[in-house]
């Protein structure tokens, strides 16, 4: 779940008649976090409240961010995560470029394949593989 991934949890709108509810949510989330294994970063996630409207708690949140960055830079986790993120974005860029080039170069063939699939003249899998085979054969000619 998402709770295991959180570096911090911020509860906004802790103002007016929401203050007690925000504090209750904070207490419940802090309790829940203690049931999870230690975070990969080595830093225990904090649960904090703030009010963007009243501009309260924001300085403490910023201090928490700075503390997290400092701790994870010291223990090496920061650099490990940055390297993982860089690798992730490399693959995302490749996937996006392949997808865009495929759809741009195969517009007419895709329309024809859609017709065949919708009229049960070809299975969706066969059409997809045929389109991909055609794309890669054209691509190797370039």
Protein backbone atom coordinates (compact mmCIF):
# COMPACT_ATOMS: atom_id res chain seq x y z
CA UNK A 1 0.00 0.00 0.00
CA UNK A 2 0.83 3.63 -0.19
CA UNK A 3 1.53 3.97 3.54
CA UNK A 4 4.74 1.96 3.23
CA UNK A 5 6.00 4.39 0.60
CA UNK A 6 5.39 7.65 2.49
CA UNK A 7 8.40 9.70 3.56
CA UNK A 8 6.05 12.03 5.45
CA UNK A 9 2.32 12.47 5.72
CA UNK A 10 0.93 15.98 5.79
CA UNK A 11 -2.64 16.68 6.82
CA UNK A 12 -3.76 20.04 5.44
CA UNK A 13 -6.82 22.09 6.41
CA UNK A 14 -5.97 21.87 10.12
CA UNK A 15 -7.84 25.08 10.80
CA UNK A 16 -11.17 26.27 12.09
CA UNK A 17 -13.41 23.43 13.21
CA UNK A 18 -11.13 20.90 11.47
CA UNK A 19 -8.29 21.16 13.98
CA UNK A 20 -9.52 18.36 16.25
CA UNK A 21 -10.25 16.06 13.30
CA UNK A 22 -6.83 16.76 11.83
CA UNK A 23 -5.14 15.97 15.15
CA UNK A 24 -7.17 12.75 15.46
CA UNK A 25 -6.17 11.72 11.93
CA UNK A 26 -2.55 12.54 12.78
CA UNK A 27 -2.65 10.32 15.88
CA UNK A 28 -4.27 7.46 13.98
CA UNK A 29 -1.75 7.65 11.15
CA UNK A 30 1.19 7.79 13.57
CA UNK A 31 -0.11 4.66 15.24
CA UNK A 32 -0.59 2.91 11.89
CA UNK A 33 2.97 3.75 10.78
CA UNK A 34 4.38 1.89 13.78
CA UNK A 35 2.93 -1.37 12.43
CA UNK A 36 5.01 -1.18 9.25
CA UNK A 37 8.60 -2.37 8.92
CA UNK A 38 11.30 0.30 9.07
CA UNK A 39 11.38 2.57 6.02
CA UNK A 40 14.07 1.86 3.39
CA UNK A 41 15.44 5.36 3.90
CA UNK A 42 16.21 4.69 7.56
CA UNK A 43 14.10 7.72 8.50
CA UNK A 44 10.82 7.20 10.33
CA UNK A 45 8.05 9.02 8.44
CA UNK A 46 6.49 11.91 10.35
CA UNK A 47 2.82 12.82 10.37
CA UNK A 48 2.26 16.54 10.52
CA UNK A 49 -0.64 18.97 10.29
CA UNK A 50 -0.81 22.35 8.64
CA UNK A 51 -3.17 24.95 7.32
CA UNK A 52 -2.30 26.43 3.95
CA UNK A 53 -5.15 28.88 4.46
CA UNK A 54 -3.85 30.15 7.81
CA UNK A 55 -0.23 29.46 6.83
CA UNK A 56 0.47 27.45 9.97
CA UNK A 57 2.71 24.42 10.22
CA UNK A 58 4.39 25.09 6.89
CA UNK A 59 7.75 26.05 8.42
CA UNK A 60 7.79 22.80 10.41
CA UNK A 61 7.03 20.83 7.25
CA UNK A 62 9.90 22.52 5.44
CA UNK A 63 12.23 21.73 8.34
CA UNK A 64 11.08 18.10 8.15
CA UNK A 65 11.89 18.01 4.43
CA UNK A 66 15.35 19.45 5.04
CA UNK A 67 15.94 16.94 7.87
CA UNK A 68 14.85 14.05 5.62
CA UNK A 69 17.18 15.21 2.82
CA UNK A 70 20.07 15.58 5.23
CA UNK A 71 19.56 12.17 6.84
CA UNK A 72 19.15 10.34 3.54
CA UNK A 73 22.16 12.07 2.00
CA UNK A 74 24.25 11.03 4.98
CA UNK A 75 23.16 7.40 4.88
CA UNK A 76 23.40 7.14 1.05
CA UNK A 77 19.71 6.46 0.44
CA UNK A 78 19.21 9.80 -1.33
CA UNK A 79 21.75 8.95 -4.06
CA UNK A 80 20.41 5.40 -4.44
CA UNK A 81 16.87 6.72 -4.97
CA UNK A 82 18.07 9.39 -7.42
CA UNK A 83 19.86 6.70 -9.44
CA UNK A 84 16.71 4.53 -9.45
CA UNK A 85 14.60 7.50 -10.52
CA UNK A 86 17.02 8.37 -13.30
CA UNK A 87 16.87 4.80 -14.60
CA UNK A 88 13.06 4.84 -14.36
CA UNK A 89 12.83 8.06 -16.39
CA UNK A 90 15.21 6.68 -18.99
CA UNK A 91 12.86 3.74 -19.56
CA UNK A 92 9.79 5.98 -19.49
CA UNK A 93 11.35 8.17 -22.19
CA UNK A 94 12.17 5.14 -24.33
CA UNK A 95 8.64 3.77 -23.92
CA UNK A 96 7.06 7.11 -24.78
CA UNK A 97 9.21 7.56 -27.88
CA UNK A 98 8.55 4.01 -29.09
CA UNK A 99 4.81 4.40 -28.48
CA UNK A 100 4.65 7.76 -30.28
CA UNK A 101 6.69 6.57 -33.26
CA UNK A 102 4.69 3.36 -33.53
CA UNK A 103 1.31 5.12 -33.52
CA UNK A 104 2.49 7.83 -35.92
CA UNK A 105 3.92 5.40 -38.45
CA UNK A 106 1.10 2.85 -38.30
CA UNK A 107 -2.02 5.07 -38.40
CA UNK A 108 -3.60 3.52 -41.47
CA UNK A 109 -2.64 -0.04 -40.55
CA UNK A 110 -4.10 0.48 -37.06
CA UNK A 111 -7.42 1.64 -38.52
CA UNK A 112 -7.55 -1.44 -40.72
CA UNK A 113 -6.67 -3.70 -37.79
CA UNK A 114 -9.38 -2.10 -35.66
CA UNK A 115 -11.95 -2.90 -38.32
CA UNK A 116 -10.83 -6.53 -38.55
CA UNK A 117 -10.85 -6.93 -34.76
CA UNK A 118 -14.26 -5.32 -34.38
CA UNK A 119 -15.71 -7.58 -37.08
CA UNK A 120 -14.13 -10.71 -35.59
CA UNK A 121 -11.98 -11.19 -38.67
CA UNK A 122 -8.80 -11.19 -36.58
CA UNK A 123 -8.09 -11.58 -32.89
CA UNK A 124 -6.82 -8.57 -30.98
CA UNK A 125 -3.60 -10.42 -30.20
CA UNK A 126 -2.97 -11.42 -33.81
CA UNK A 127 -3.63 -7.86 -34.95
CA UNK A 128 -1.28 -6.42 -32.35
CA UNK A 129 1.52 -8.81 -33.25
CA UNK A 130 0.99 -8.19 -36.97
CA UNK A 131 1.15 -4.40 -36.42
CA UNK A 132 4.28 -4.70 -34.31
CA UNK A 133 5.96 -7.04 -36.78
CA UNK A 134 5.16 -4.61 -39.58
CA UNK A 135 6.50 -1.67 -37.57
CA UNK A 136 9.78 -3.38 -36.73
CA UNK A 137 10.28 -4.58 -40.31
CA UNK A 138 9.77 -1.01 -41.56
CA UNK A 139 12.04 0.34 -38.84
CA UNK A 140 14.93 -1.93 -39.83
CA UNK A 141 14.67 -0.66 -43.42
CA UNK A 142 15.44 2.87 -42.25
